[in-house]
Amino acid sequence: MKLLGYDAVSSENTDRLISHGIKVVTEHNLSDINTADLVVYTAAISPDDPELVEAHNMNIPCVERSEFVGYLTRAYENTIGISGTHGKTTTTSMISLCFIEAGLDPTIQVGADLKQIDGNYRLGNGPYFILEACEYVESFLKFSPKSEIVLNIDNDHLDYFKTFDNVKNAFIKYVKIIPDDGLLVVNGDDHNCLDLPQYTNAKSLTYGITNKNTDFFATNIVFDKNGFASFDVYAKDKFYERISLSTPGMHNVQNALACIALCNEYGISSDCIKSALSKFTGAHRRFEFVGDYQGISVYDDYGHHPTEIVATAKALMNKTYHESWVVFQPHTYSRTLTLLDDFAKALLNFDHIIVTDIYAAREKNTFGISAQDLVNKINSFNEKAVYIKEFQDIASYVKTNAKPDDIVLTLGAGPINKVGKMILE
């Protein structure tokens, strides 16, 4: 089998594919399409993409990525889909490591590199397929999960969904595809999740921190100087285990509870779960420590929604440091415009705020929005945000102004992580 790939920009992932002998191009190349037997494309590819148009003209079979993955989910006896607006990658990673620790040899598809599997996928020989189930354009409805986790439901991807009710209805449709002998795990602290069990005949479990009327809940939560939590887990009011994480933030306590609820149902021992969670230091670009520069600690995070920014800011506040710096790259024009006030208020949690140009991703700027608009909105609340266009200029600004024991966080789903490497250089 010969594989060819196309992406608009080069990245660590494209570099890895090339290192394995797979041809990847970043310029349109219709001659490659002429040799294809099948074209797999993502939801981010527009219908007028030249390669896709050429494939249709040549009657080459084309399948959207989620539909292709859907075929794979039906090849496994137990597909486990982790969904929700936030936390999918981390929770998928936690569950994957628990299954590996238990010797269950799972197949894995996760949305970021996980160092324990040296990439973002793993091909196992067991009957388990663990994967992220993304709600964007209702992709997860193409999957056939035996078990589902719904971590939370928030107002994201409104460029597609238009209203929050449509977001919620997508998750309802997703829950309805669970077979009667399957499993649903939902966040008992998220009121938008609590009514989901009524839409399935499958067994359902809940977890929570503030809501103790759940099947699994955490108490006696303490944080060390790194912001890592240790907590007691109770299962139906019975002590289950004392868990210690190696990832920061209260949101990761919730992610761990979702993992524990599901893994316990699959017969994985509390010892295996405890061990796997303690070894998990985070997926790539999830509050990831990048390095030190003259006593300044540099981190990187993929957060690109106000809720994620607030969660990351709270996780940072549990660490020991002098002052905090955030370098934020907004992701998509539509999200920036729709959630402008929320972004501004979320970023106020940092001592110093740098905003750079919006990462377009799949969009064109037909919205009349810019990074300067976000800076202006932030400064209408508190005069502490600056706009800097070039990444190298951002790195120079931080190196000139940050002090020892400060924490610098690059934040966003685009290539903003390059700034951290520039600072360290």
Foldseek 3Di string as FASTA:
>chain_A
DAAEEEDLDDDPVNVVCVVVVHHYDNDDDLVVLVPDQEAEAEPLDDCVDPNNVSNVVVVRHYDYNLLVVQVVLVVAPAEEEEEEPDDQQVLLQLLVLLCVLLVQFEWEAHDFQFVVQRGRTDDGDHRYYGYYQYCAVLSNLSHQHQEYEYEEQDPPNCVPQVDSVSSLVSVLSNLLNHDLQGEYEYEPVHPSTVVSVVNHNHHYFYEYEVDPPGQKYWDPWDADQQQWIWTWIDGPNHTADIATALEHFPSVVSSLRSSVVVVVVVVRHPVSSRVSRRPGNDGPQCQAFDDDDQQETETGHADAALVSLLRVLRRVVSHFFDFEEEEEAHEAPVRCVVCLLSNLVSVVSGPAYEYEWHHHSSHDPPPPDTRVVSQVSNVVVPNHYDYDYDLLVVLVVCLVPPDRRYYYYYYHNDPSVVSVVSNND
